[in-house]
N, C-alpha and C. Protein backbone atom coordinates (compact mmCIF):
# COMPACT_ATOMS: atom_id res chain seq x y z
N MET A 1 0.88 -1.08 -0.18
CA MET A 1 0.12 0.04 0.00
C MET A 1 0.92 1.23 -0.03
N ALA A 2 0.41 2.22 -0.88
CA ALA A 2 1.39 3.51 -0.95
C ALA A 2 1.25 4.14 0.37
N ARG A 3 2.34 4.78 0.84
CA ARG A 3 2.18 5.64 1.93
C ARG A 3 1.49 7.07 1.66
N TRP A 4 0.53 7.32 2.68
CA TRP A 4 -0.18 8.52 2.67
C TRP A 4 0.43 9.67 2.80
N GLU A 5 0.76 10.74 2.11
CA GLU A 5 1.38 12.01 2.40
C GLU A 5 0.34 13.18 2.42
N PRO A 6 0.19 13.72 3.64
CA PRO A 6 -0.76 14.64 3.49
C PRO A 6 -0.32 16.05 2.90
N ASP A 7 -1.49 16.24 1.76
CA ASP A 7 -1.53 17.63 0.82
C ASP A 7 -0.28 17.32 -0.01
N ALA A 8 0.31 16.20 -0.46
CA ALA A 8 1.41 15.95 -1.34
C ALA A 8 1.51 16.81 -2.31
N ARG A 9 0.36 16.89 -3.17
CA ARG A 9 0.20 17.73 -4.54
C ARG A 9 0.46 19.25 -4.03
N GLY A 10 -0.05 19.83 -2.97
CA GLY A 10 0.12 21.23 -2.60
C GLY A 10 1.50 21.51 -2.31
N ARG A 11 2.32 20.42 -1.55
CA ARG A 11 3.47 20.68 -0.94
C ARG A 11 4.47 20.64 -2.31
N LEU A 12 4.10 19.85 -3.24
CA LEU A 12 4.86 19.83 -4.56
C LEU A 12 4.92 21.00 -5.28
N GLU A 13 3.61 21.67 -5.48
CA GLU A 13 3.20 22.84 -6.31
C GLU A 13 4.10 24.03 -5.43
N LYS A 14 3.90 23.85 -4.31
CA LYS A 14 4.71 25.21 -3.47
C LYS A 14 6.07 25.17 -3.60
N ALA A 15 6.67 23.95 -3.49
CA ALA A 15 8.25 23.64 -3.56
C ALA A 15 8.57 23.93 -5.03
N ALA A 16 7.95 23.50 -6.05
CA ALA A 16 8.29 23.77 -7.41
C ALA A 16 8.44 25.28 -7.67
N LEU A 17 7.65 26.11 -7.21
CA LEU A 17 7.31 27.46 -7.65
C LEU A 17 8.41 28.11 -6.72
N GLU A 18 8.98 27.72 -5.50
CA GLU A 18 9.92 28.36 -4.72
C GLU A 18 11.13 28.44 -5.46
N LEU A 19 11.32 26.90 -5.85
CA LEU A 19 12.56 26.58 -6.55
C LEU A 19 12.79 27.29 -7.83
N PHE A 20 11.77 27.41 -8.68
CA PHE A 20 11.71 28.14 -9.92
C PHE A 20 12.30 29.42 -9.63
N GLN A 21 11.74 30.34 -8.67
CA GLN A 21 11.99 31.55 -8.34
C GLN A 21 13.45 31.66 -7.86
N GLU A 22 13.72 30.57 -7.05
CA GLU A 22 15.20 30.76 -6.63
C GLU A 22 16.23 30.31 -7.25
N GLN A 23 16.18 29.45 -8.09
CA GLN A 23 17.29 28.83 -8.88
C GLN A 23 16.99 28.64 -10.35
N GLY A 24 15.77 29.12 -10.80
CA GLY A 24 15.53 29.15 -12.25
C GLY A 24 14.70 27.93 -12.54
N TYR A 25 13.77 28.05 -13.32
CA TYR A 25 13.23 26.93 -13.92
C TYR A 25 13.94 25.84 -14.70
N ALA A 26 14.87 26.22 -15.46
CA ALA A 26 15.79 25.23 -16.22
C ALA A 26 16.65 24.41 -15.43
N ARG A 27 17.17 25.04 -14.26
CA ARG A 27 18.07 24.39 -13.47
C ARG A 27 17.36 23.43 -12.31
N THR A 28 16.03 23.60 -12.23
CA THR A 28 15.41 22.89 -11.02
C THR A 28 14.92 21.58 -11.73
N THR A 29 15.21 20.46 -10.90
CA THR A 29 14.96 19.17 -11.33
C THR A 29 13.65 18.42 -10.58
N VAL A 30 13.28 17.20 -11.04
CA VAL A 30 12.10 16.52 -10.04
C VAL A 30 12.72 16.33 -9.07
N ALA A 31 13.95 15.98 -8.77
CA ALA A 31 14.56 15.40 -7.57
C ALA A 31 14.50 16.44 -6.58
N ASP A 32 14.99 17.84 -7.04
CA ASP A 32 15.03 18.99 -6.31
C ASP A 32 13.70 19.34 -5.68
N ILE A 33 12.90 19.32 -6.58
CA ILE A 33 11.36 19.50 -6.10
C ILE A 33 10.81 18.67 -5.03
N ALA A 34 10.97 17.45 -5.16
CA ALA A 34 10.61 16.40 -4.19
C ALA A 34 11.45 16.28 -2.90
N ALA A 35 12.46 16.71 -3.01
CA ALA A 35 13.40 16.94 -1.74
C ALA A 35 13.10 18.20 -1.08
N HIS A 36 12.74 19.37 -1.86
CA HIS A 36 12.26 20.58 -1.33
C HIS A 36 11.10 20.34 -0.34
N ALA A 37 10.11 19.41 -0.90
CA ALA A 37 8.83 19.26 -0.21
C ALA A 37 8.83 18.18 0.83
N GLY A 38 9.97 17.51 0.84
CA GLY A 38 10.14 16.55 1.94
C GLY A 38 9.54 15.11 1.47
N LEU A 39 9.42 14.98 0.25
CA LEU A 39 8.80 13.78 -0.44
C LEU A 39 9.61 12.97 -1.34
N THR A 40 9.27 11.93 -1.95
CA THR A 40 10.13 11.07 -2.62
C THR A 40 9.83 11.41 -4.16
N GLU A 41 10.63 11.06 -5.06
CA GLU A 41 10.62 11.15 -6.54
C GLU A 41 9.36 10.60 -6.94
N ARG A 42 9.37 9.18 -6.24
CA ARG A 42 8.19 8.35 -6.69
C ARG A 42 6.53 9.18 -6.14
N THR A 43 6.91 9.91 -5.32
CA THR A 43 5.54 10.48 -4.89
C THR A 43 5.25 11.56 -5.97
N PHE A 44 6.24 12.47 -6.25
CA PHE A 44 6.05 13.26 -7.34
C PHE A 44 5.46 12.65 -8.75
N PHE A 45 5.77 11.65 -8.96
CA PHE A 45 5.24 11.12 -10.33
C PHE A 45 3.95 10.62 -10.29
N ARG A 46 3.56 10.56 -8.83
CA ARG A 46 1.95 9.92 -8.58
C ARG A 46 1.07 11.05 -9.20
N TYR A 47 1.50 12.27 -8.88
CA TYR A 47 0.75 13.56 -9.30
C TYR A 47 1.12 14.14 -10.62
N PHE A 48 2.45 14.13 -10.98
CA PHE A 48 2.72 14.97 -12.13
C PHE A 48 3.79 14.07 -13.03
N THR A 49 3.35 14.17 -14.49
CA THR A 49 4.37 13.70 -15.26
C THR A 49 5.84 14.19 -15.46
N ASP A 50 6.00 15.27 -15.31
CA ASP A 50 7.16 16.17 -15.18
C ASP A 50 7.00 17.36 -14.69
N LYS A 51 8.12 18.01 -14.66
CA LYS A 51 8.12 19.34 -13.85
C LYS A 51 7.31 20.42 -14.62
N ARG A 52 6.83 20.29 -15.87
CA ARG A 52 6.09 21.36 -16.72
C ARG A 52 4.72 21.13 -16.02
N GLU A 53 4.46 20.00 -15.74
CA GLU A 53 3.13 19.64 -15.45
C GLU A 53 2.51 20.37 -14.22
N VAL A 54 3.43 20.68 -13.30
CA VAL A 54 3.51 21.29 -11.87
C VAL A 54 2.53 22.69 -12.43
N LEU A 55 3.11 23.18 -13.29
CA LEU A 55 2.65 24.68 -13.63
C LEU A 55 1.24 24.61 -14.24
N PHE A 56 0.63 23.58 -14.41
CA PHE A 56 -0.71 23.40 -15.06
C PHE A 56 -1.51 22.49 -14.17
N SER A 57 -1.09 22.60 -12.84
CA SER A 57 -2.12 21.71 -12.05
C SER A 57 -3.41 22.29 -11.80
N GLY A 58 -4.44 21.43 -12.02
CA GLY A 58 -5.93 21.88 -12.01
C GLY A 58 -6.49 22.29 -13.15
N SER A 59 -5.70 22.00 -14.26
CA SER A 59 -6.05 22.71 -15.69
C SER A 59 -7.22 21.63 -16.09
N GLN A 60 -7.33 20.24 -15.68
CA GLN A 60 -8.67 19.38 -16.17
C GLN A 60 -9.92 19.93 -15.44
N GLU A 61 -9.70 20.22 -13.97
CA GLU A 61 -10.77 20.94 -13.24
C GLU A 61 -11.21 22.27 -13.91
N LEU A 62 -10.32 23.10 -14.27
CA LEU A 62 -10.64 24.18 -14.93
C LEU A 62 -11.37 24.03 -16.14
N GLU A 63 -10.97 23.13 -17.18
CA GLU A 63 -11.61 22.89 -18.23
C GLU A 63 -13.23 22.34 -18.04
N GLN A 64 -13.29 21.48 -17.17
CA GLN A 64 -14.58 21.07 -16.88
C GLN A 64 -15.52 22.17 -16.27
N ALA A 65 -14.90 23.03 -15.50
CA ALA A 65 -15.66 24.09 -14.88
C ALA A 65 -16.07 25.00 -15.96
N ILE A 66 -15.38 25.44 -17.01
CA ILE A 66 -15.72 26.21 -18.22
C ILE A 66 -16.81 25.58 -18.78
N VAL A 67 -16.60 24.17 -19.24
CA VAL A 67 -17.50 23.50 -19.97
C VAL A 67 -18.90 23.45 -19.54
N ASP A 68 -18.97 23.08 -18.00
CA ASP A 68 -20.10 22.99 -17.36
C ASP A 68 -20.99 24.49 -17.19
N SER A 69 -20.04 25.38 -16.89
CA SER A 69 -20.67 26.89 -17.19
C SER A 69 -21.21 27.43 -18.38
N VAL A 70 -20.49 26.78 -19.55
CA VAL A 70 -21.25 27.07 -20.97
C VAL A 70 -22.43 26.18 -20.88
N LEU A 71 -22.68 25.17 -20.54
CA LEU A 71 -23.82 24.04 -20.78
C LEU A 71 -24.93 24.85 -19.72
N SER A 72 -24.55 25.20 -18.66
CA SER A 72 -25.58 25.89 -17.84
C SER A 72 -25.92 27.28 -18.02
N ALA A 73 -25.47 27.95 -19.00
CA ALA A 73 -25.90 29.13 -19.34
C ALA A 73 -27.30 29.10 -19.99
N PRO A 74 -28.12 30.32 -19.60
CA PRO A 74 -29.57 30.38 -20.12
C PRO A 74 -29.65 29.88 -21.65
N LYS A 75 -30.63 29.16 -21.97
CA LYS A 75 -30.79 28.53 -23.25
C LYS A 75 -30.97 29.63 -24.29
N ASP A 76 -31.33 30.93 -24.01
CA ASP A 76 -31.39 31.92 -25.11
C ASP A 76 -30.36 32.95 -25.17
N ALA A 77 -29.12 32.37 -24.33
CA ALA A 77 -27.97 33.34 -24.52
C ALA A 77 -27.25 32.97 -25.71
N PRO A 78 -26.90 33.96 -26.42
CA PRO A 78 -25.96 33.80 -27.56
C PRO A 78 -24.67 33.10 -27.43
N PRO A 79 -24.42 32.60 -28.31
CA PRO A 79 -23.16 31.58 -28.07
C PRO A 79 -21.68 32.24 -27.58
N LEU A 80 -21.48 33.57 -28.09
CA LEU A 80 -20.32 34.31 -27.58
C LEU A 80 -20.96 34.77 -26.06
N ASP A 81 -22.02 35.07 -25.90
CA ASP A 81 -22.24 35.65 -24.21
C ASP A 81 -22.07 34.21 -23.56
N ALA A 82 -22.47 33.11 -23.88
CA ALA A 82 -22.39 31.95 -22.92
C ALA A 82 -20.90 31.63 -22.63
N THR A 83 -20.18 31.67 -23.80
CA THR A 83 -18.78 31.37 -23.55
C THR A 83 -17.91 32.50 -22.87
N VAL A 84 -18.09 33.69 -23.04
CA VAL A 84 -17.46 34.58 -22.35
C VAL A 84 -17.88 34.68 -20.74
N GLY A 85 -19.07 34.49 -20.80
CA GLY A 85 -19.63 34.51 -19.28
C GLY A 85 -18.96 33.17 -18.32
N ALA A 86 -18.69 31.82 -19.11
CA ALA A 86 -17.81 30.87 -18.56
C ALA A 86 -16.67 31.42 -18.20
N PHE A 87 -15.95 32.16 -19.03
CA PHE A 87 -14.38 32.54 -18.63
C PHE A 87 -14.42 33.36 -17.72
N GLU A 88 -15.56 34.12 -17.58
CA GLU A 88 -15.51 35.22 -16.58
C GLU A 88 -15.72 34.78 -15.23
N ALA A 89 -16.75 33.75 -15.02
CA ALA A 89 -16.92 33.00 -13.95
C ALA A 89 -15.77 32.30 -13.45
N VAL A 90 -15.01 31.59 -14.23
CA VAL A 90 -13.78 31.03 -14.07
C VAL A 90 -12.59 31.79 -13.47
N GLY A 91 -12.46 32.70 -14.22
CA GLY A 91 -11.46 33.91 -13.98
C GLY A 91 -11.76 34.44 -12.35
N ALA A 92 -13.10 34.73 -12.01
CA ALA A 92 -13.33 35.08 -10.62
C ALA A 92 -12.82 33.89 -9.68
N TRP A 93 -13.23 32.82 -10.02
CA TRP A 93 -12.85 31.72 -9.35
C TRP A 93 -11.34 31.51 -9.24
N LEU A 94 -10.70 31.71 -10.24
CA LEU A 94 -9.10 31.47 -10.18
C LEU A 94 -8.69 32.67 -9.23
N GLN A 95 -9.18 33.70 -9.34
CA GLN A 95 -8.57 34.71 -8.65
C GLN A 95 -8.72 34.61 -7.02
N ALA A 96 -9.85 34.10 -6.65
CA ALA A 96 -10.24 33.80 -5.29
C ALA A 96 -9.32 32.67 -4.66
N ARG A 97 -8.77 31.90 -5.52
CA ARG A 97 -8.03 30.64 -4.97
C ARG A 97 -6.48 30.65 -5.20
N ARG A 98 -6.17 31.38 -6.25
CA ARG A 98 -4.67 31.50 -6.50
C ARG A 98 -3.88 32.74 -6.07
N ASP A 99 -2.72 32.46 -5.37
CA ASP A 99 -2.00 33.74 -4.93
C ASP A 99 -1.61 34.38 -6.32
N PHE A 100 -1.71 35.62 -6.27
CA PHE A 100 -1.20 36.40 -7.53
C PHE A 100 0.15 36.39 -7.80
N ALA A 101 0.93 36.35 -6.64
CA ALA A 101 2.42 36.39 -6.92
C ALA A 101 2.85 35.05 -7.51
N ASP A 102 2.16 34.01 -7.28
CA ASP A 102 2.56 32.52 -7.81
C ASP A 102 1.95 32.49 -9.40
N VAL A 103 0.71 33.09 -9.60
CA VAL A 103 0.42 33.40 -10.94
C VAL A 103 1.48 34.12 -11.84
N ARG A 104 1.84 35.11 -11.29
CA ARG A 104 3.15 35.98 -12.09
C ARG A 104 4.35 35.09 -12.34
N VAL A 105 4.58 34.23 -11.30
CA VAL A 105 5.67 33.45 -11.45
C VAL A 105 5.53 32.29 -12.57
N ARG A 106 4.38 31.96 -12.60
CA ARG A 106 3.98 31.02 -13.48
C ARG A 106 3.87 31.52 -15.05
N TYR A 107 3.14 32.59 -15.05
CA TYR A 107 3.19 33.58 -16.34
C TYR A 107 4.75 33.86 -17.08
N ALA A 108 5.72 34.06 -16.17
CA ALA A 108 7.03 34.36 -16.47
C ALA A 108 7.72 33.15 -17.02
N ILE A 109 7.51 31.93 -16.45
CA ILE A 109 8.06 30.96 -16.85
C ILE A 109 7.58 30.47 -18.35
N VAL A 110 6.16 30.70 -18.42
CA VAL A 110 5.55 30.21 -19.62
C VAL A 110 5.92 31.05 -20.67
N THR A 111 6.23 32.38 -20.46
CA THR A 111 6.51 33.11 -21.60
C THR A 111 8.01 33.09 -21.89
N GLU A 112 9.08 32.60 -20.79
CA GLU A 112 10.46 32.43 -21.02
C GLU A 112 10.86 31.23 -21.79
N HIS A 113 10.10 30.11 -21.55
CA HIS A 113 10.58 28.73 -21.96
C HIS A 113 9.76 28.11 -22.87
N ALA A 114 10.21 27.86 -23.93
CA ALA A 114 9.67 27.34 -25.35
C ALA A 114 9.03 26.07 -24.97
N GLU A 115 9.53 25.09 -24.20
CA GLU A 115 8.98 23.72 -23.85
C GLU A 115 7.73 24.05 -22.84
N VAL A 116 7.55 25.06 -22.00
CA VAL A 116 6.50 25.20 -21.38
C VAL A 116 5.29 25.88 -22.09
N ARG A 117 5.70 26.96 -23.10
CA ARG A 117 4.78 27.43 -24.00
C ARG A 117 4.12 26.30 -24.86
N GLU A 118 4.68 25.44 -25.30
CA GLU A 118 4.39 24.15 -26.15
C GLU A 118 3.20 23.66 -25.28
N ARG A 119 3.44 23.19 -23.86
CA ARG A 119 2.47 22.58 -23.18
C ARG A 119 1.23 23.62 -22.90
N GLU A 120 1.53 24.67 -22.71
CA GLU A 120 0.24 25.79 -22.64
C GLU A 120 -0.50 25.76 -24.03
N LEU A 121 0.05 25.77 -25.16
CA LEU A 121 -0.53 25.49 -26.39
C LEU A 121 -1.41 24.33 -26.65
N ILE A 122 -1.01 23.34 -26.04
CA ILE A 122 -1.70 22.02 -25.99
C ILE A 122 -2.79 22.01 -25.14
N LYS A 123 -2.72 22.68 -23.94
CA LYS A 123 -3.78 22.97 -23.01
C LYS A 123 -4.84 23.68 -23.61
N MET A 124 -4.42 24.83 -24.20
CA MET A 124 -5.50 25.72 -24.68
C MET A 124 -6.23 25.29 -25.94
N ALA A 125 -5.51 24.15 -26.73
CA ALA A 125 -6.14 23.49 -27.93
C ALA A 125 -7.23 22.41 -27.09
N SER A 126 -6.81 21.83 -26.15
CA SER A 126 -8.00 20.94 -25.45
C SER A 126 -9.18 21.58 -25.10
N LEU A 127 -8.79 22.82 -24.40
CA LEU A 127 -9.95 23.55 -23.72
C LEU A 127 -10.90 24.22 -25.17
N ALA A 128 -10.27 24.58 -26.23
CA ALA A 128 -10.88 25.12 -27.26
C ALA A 128 -11.96 23.91 -27.81
N ALA A 129 -11.43 22.63 -27.94
CA ALA A 129 -12.24 21.53 -28.23
C ALA A 129 -13.25 21.27 -27.51
N ALA A 130 -13.09 21.47 -25.96
CA ALA A 130 -14.16 21.08 -25.07
C ALA A 130 -15.11 22.07 -25.20
N VAL A 131 -14.74 23.31 -25.29
CA VAL A 131 -15.82 24.37 -25.49
C VAL A 131 -16.55 24.14 -26.79
N THR A 132 -15.90 23.79 -27.76
CA THR A 132 -16.84 23.45 -29.10
C THR A 132 -17.71 22.54 -28.98
N LYS A 133 -17.44 21.44 -28.15
CA LYS A 133 -18.26 20.36 -27.97
C LYS A 133 -19.50 20.61 -27.02
N ALA A 134 -19.29 21.57 -26.09
CA ALA A 134 -20.19 22.03 -25.11
C ALA A 134 -21.42 22.86 -26.04
N LEU A 135 -20.54 23.80 -27.11
CA LEU A 135 -21.52 24.47 -27.82
C LEU A 135 -22.38 23.81 -28.72
N HIS A 136 -21.79 22.67 -29.24
CA HIS A 136 -22.77 21.86 -29.96
C HIS A 136 -23.67 21.12 -29.11
N VAL A 137 -23.73 20.85 -28.14
CA VAL A 137 -24.77 20.39 -27.19
C VAL A 137 -25.61 21.37 -27.18
N ARG A 138 -25.26 22.59 -27.01
CA ARG A 138 -26.32 23.76 -26.82
C ARG A 138 -26.92 23.92 -28.18
N GLY A 139 -26.44 23.17 -29.26
CA GLY A 139 -27.12 23.29 -30.46
C GLY A 139 -26.58 24.30 -31.56
N VAL A 140 -25.49 24.73 -31.19
CA VAL A 140 -24.75 25.72 -32.00
C VAL A 140 -24.00 24.78 -33.26
N SER A 141 -24.21 25.02 -34.29
CA SER A 141 -23.60 24.39 -35.50
C SER A 141 -22.06 24.73 -35.82
N GLU A 142 -21.34 24.33 -36.79
CA GLU A 142 -20.38 24.77 -37.29
C GLU A 142 -20.61 25.68 -38.65
N PRO A 143 -19.67 26.62 -38.93
CA PRO A 143 -18.41 26.87 -38.13
C PRO A 143 -18.55 27.90 -36.75
N THR A 144 -19.95 28.16 -36.61
CA THR A 144 -19.88 29.18 -35.56
C THR A 144 -19.37 28.48 -34.13
N ALA A 145 -19.69 27.36 -33.94
CA ALA A 145 -19.31 26.77 -32.60
C ALA A 145 -17.52 26.88 -32.41
N SER A 146 -17.11 26.48 -33.38
CA SER A 146 -15.48 26.53 -33.58
C SER A 146 -14.86 28.04 -33.34
N VAL A 147 -15.47 28.70 -34.23
CA VAL A 147 -15.27 30.14 -34.05
C VAL A 147 -15.28 31.01 -32.86
N VAL A 148 -16.73 30.57 -32.27
CA VAL A 148 -16.87 31.08 -30.91
C VAL A 148 -15.83 30.61 -29.81
N ALA A 149 -15.67 29.37 -29.94
CA ALA A 149 -14.64 28.64 -28.87
C ALA A 149 -13.19 29.22 -29.09
N GLU A 150 -12.85 29.31 -30.32
CA GLU A 150 -11.53 29.89 -30.40
C GLU A 150 -11.46 31.48 -29.88
N SER A 151 -12.47 32.15 -30.32
CA SER A 151 -12.81 33.58 -29.77
C SER A 151 -12.86 33.66 -28.35
N GLY A 152 -13.31 32.72 -27.75
CA GLY A 152 -13.57 32.80 -26.23
C GLY A 152 -11.97 32.54 -25.45
N ILE A 153 -11.10 31.56 -26.22
CA ILE A 153 -9.95 31.46 -25.83
C ILE A 153 -8.91 32.62 -25.95
N THR A 154 -9.22 33.22 -27.06
CA THR A 154 -8.51 34.64 -27.12
C THR A 154 -8.83 35.60 -26.29
N VAL A 155 -10.03 35.93 -25.95
CA VAL A 155 -10.60 36.71 -25.00
C VAL A 155 -9.81 36.54 -23.69
N PHE A 156 -10.05 34.99 -23.11
CA PHE A 156 -9.26 34.66 -21.99
C PHE A 156 -7.88 34.95 -21.93
N LYS A 157 -7.05 34.64 -22.98
CA LYS A 157 -5.74 34.80 -22.92
C LYS A 157 -5.23 36.26 -22.89
N VAL A 158 -5.98 37.42 -23.67
CA VAL A 158 -5.84 38.67 -23.53
C VAL A 158 -6.07 39.15 -22.25
N GLY A 159 -7.36 38.56 -21.81
CA GLY A 159 -7.62 39.51 -20.32
C GLY A 159 -6.77 38.77 -19.40
N PHE A 160 -6.22 37.58 -19.52
CA PHE A 160 -5.11 37.19 -18.46
C PHE A 160 -3.70 37.81 -18.57
N GLU A 161 -3.44 38.16 -19.78
CA GLU A 161 -2.14 38.75 -20.03
C GLU A 161 -2.15 40.24 -19.46
N ARG A 162 -3.33 40.79 -19.80
CA ARG A 162 -3.51 42.25 -19.19
C ARG A 162 -3.64 42.45 -17.76
N TRP A 163 -4.23 41.20 -16.95
CA TRP A 163 -4.44 41.12 -15.59
C TRP A 163 -3.25 40.99 -15.13
N VAL A 164 -2.31 39.98 -15.45
CA VAL A 164 -1.16 39.76 -14.59
C VAL A 164 0.18 40.72 -15.09
N SER A 165 -0.05 41.43 -16.09
CA SER A 165 0.84 42.50 -16.31
C SER A 165 0.80 43.74 -15.84
N ALA A 166 -0.50 44.12 -15.18
CA ALA A 166 -1.05 45.44 -14.76
C ALA A 166 -0.33 45.65 -13.32
N LYS A 167 -0.01 46.88 -13.28
CA LYS A 167 0.62 47.25 -12.08
C LYS A 167 -0.67 47.11 -11.06
N LYS A 168 -1.51 47.50 -11.11
CA LYS A 168 -2.91 47.44 -10.24
C LYS A 168 -3.57 46.45 -10.91
N PRO A 169 -3.69 45.25 -10.78
CA PRO A 169 -4.30 44.00 -11.61
C PRO A 169 -5.90 44.17 -11.61
N GLY A 170 -6.33 44.54 -10.35
CA GLY A 170 -7.73 44.63 -10.21
C GLY A 170 -8.48 43.20 -10.28
N HIS A 171 -9.55 42.99 -10.99
CA HIS A 171 -10.39 42.01 -11.22
C HIS A 171 -9.98 41.16 -12.45
N PHE A 172 -9.76 40.02 -12.40
CA PHE A 172 -9.47 39.25 -13.61
C PHE A 172 -10.82 39.27 -14.51
N ALA A 173 -11.72 38.99 -13.88
CA ALA A 173 -12.99 38.96 -14.61
C ALA A 173 -13.21 40.13 -15.46
N ALA A 174 -13.03 41.24 -14.73
CA ALA A 174 -13.01 42.49 -15.39
C ALA A 174 -12.11 42.71 -16.61
N HIS A 175 -11.12 42.13 -16.68
CA HIS A 175 -10.12 42.08 -17.76
C HIS A 175 -10.56 41.25 -19.03
N ILE A 176 -11.38 40.20 -18.66
CA ILE A 176 -11.72 39.25 -19.51
C ILE A 176 -13.17 40.04 -20.28
N ARG A 177 -13.76 40.68 -19.56
CA ARG A 177 -14.89 41.32 -20.05
C ARG A 177 -14.56 42.46 -20.93
N ALA A 178 -13.23 43.18 -20.54
CA ALA A 178 -12.98 44.09 -21.50
C ALA A 178 -12.56 43.59 -22.71
N ALA A 179 -11.79 42.65 -22.74
CA ALA A 179 -11.44 41.90 -23.86
C ALA A 179 -12.52 41.52 -24.75
N ALA A 180 -13.44 40.86 -24.11
CA ALA A 180 -14.63 40.66 -25.01
C ALA A 180 -15.39 41.87 -25.66
N ASP A 181 -15.52 42.88 -24.88
CA ASP A 181 -16.00 43.94 -25.48
C ASP A 181 -15.33 44.59 -26.40
N ALA A 182 -13.85 44.51 -26.52
CA ALA A 182 -13.16 44.89 -27.60
C ALA A 182 -13.38 43.95 -28.88
N LEU A 183 -13.68 42.82 -28.56
CA LEU A 183 -14.02 41.88 -29.74
C LEU A 183 -15.18 42.30 -30.29
N ARG A 184 -16.10 42.62 -29.46
CA ARG A 184 -17.51 42.93 -30.08
C ARG A 184 -17.46 44.18 -30.91
N ALA A 185 -16.66 44.95 -30.42
CA ALA A 185 -16.64 46.48 -31.22
C ALA A 185 -16.07 46.33 -32.50
N ALA A 186 -14.80 45.37 -32.48
CA ALA A 186 -14.22 45.15 -33.53
C ALA A 186 -15.12 44.52 -34.70
N THR A 187 -16.08 43.63 -34.22
CA THR A 187 -16.80 42.90 -35.28
C THR A 187 -18.01 43.41 -35.38
N ALA A 188 -18.28 44.64 -34.85
CA ALA A 188 -19.86 45.25 -35.10
C ALA A 188 -19.92 45.82 -36.40
N SER A 189 -19.02 46.16 -37.21
CA SER A 189 -19.29 46.96 -38.49
C SER A 189 -19.68 45.91 -39.48
N PRO A 190 -20.46 46.28 -40.48
CA PRO A 190 -20.44 45.15 -41.46
C PRO A 190 -19.51 44.65 -42.19
N PRO A 191 -19.65 43.36 -42.77
CA PRO A 191 -18.39 42.75 -43.33
C PRO A 191 -18.00 43.65 -44.53
N ALA A 192 -16.62 43.65 -44.64
CA ALA A 192 -16.23 44.40 -46.21
C ALA A 192 -16.74 43.47 -47.37
N PRO A 193 -17.05 44.04 -48.45
CA PRO A 193 -17.62 43.52 -49.64
C PRO A 193 -16.50 42.54 -50.04
N SER A 194 -16.90 41.47 -50.88
CA SER A 194 -16.16 40.45 -51.32
C SER A 194 -15.29 40.92 -52.66
N ARG A 195 -14.26 40.36 -52.84
CA ARG A 195 -13.47 40.78 -54.02
C ARG A 195 -14.25 40.78 -55.29
N ALA A 196 -15.10 39.76 -55.57
CA ALA A 196 -16.10 39.69 -56.65
C ALA A 196 -17.04 40.85 -56.75
N ARG A 197 -17.61 41.29 -55.41
CA ARG A 197 -18.50 42.23 -55.27
C ARG A 197 -17.71 43.58 -56.00
N ARG A 198 -16.54 43.57 -55.31
CA ARG A 198 -16.10 45.07 -55.62
C ARG A 198 -15.72 45.21 -57.07
N ALA A 199 -15.32 43.97 -57.63
CA ALA A 199 -15.01 44.22 -59.10
C ALA A 199 -16.40 44.36 -59.72
N ALA A 200 -17.34 43.85 -59.42
CA ALA A 200 -18.89 44.05 -60.00
C ALA A 200 -19.16 45.49 -59.84
N ASN A 201 -19.01 46.17 -58.68
CA ASN A 201 -19.45 47.63 -58.29
C ASN A 201 -18.29 48.42 -59.13
N GLN A 202 -17.21 48.23 -59.39
CA GLN A 202 -16.32 48.95 -60.18
C GLN A 202 -16.60 48.94 -61.77
N GLY A 203 -17.10 47.80 -62.10
CA GLY A 203 -17.32 47.68 -63.61
C GLY A 203 -18.67 48.28 -64.21
N SER A 204 -19.65 48.50 -63.07
CA SER A 204 -20.83 49.11 -63.22
C SER A 204 -20.92 50.64 -63.28
């Protein structure tokens, strides 16, 4: 029987972030993290596949929370409203449960290290696919579902970057809302005429 370690996941996450700050992400090994947490490498690998994954702890729960929020939105809510509302709700939830200093450490590591950015892109792609499926369940057809899901991811990313980079960050959900408003404003104008239509108008 495996030995029970109280709050092993939390201890490993805390140890990893402390070491990433103290000695840098690249120089920190799994063995370092486990030792700093007072645990074994075997215990580390019960929770994480590698040190990158520590930075994405809870991503599955986050994805499920967003999907559940999209599905539970009012039936008459437009697809973009349902999606942005889900990201706003999760943004508020994250801010209430994550230390802002830790969020900034994670953001700096993702920004600076290609291998971590790659993992971030994979996670975002998985989230976009999950939101697309949730929109399908709501009766949203293609290509609208995919376009809205990808737009929601973009709104979330821009809102997050503005939040984590601000001197006075304020509310994460407010940054998401502002990014969504910018998207709506940018797409409010009528579509530009097609090349064929322009050519026809010029010939008339």
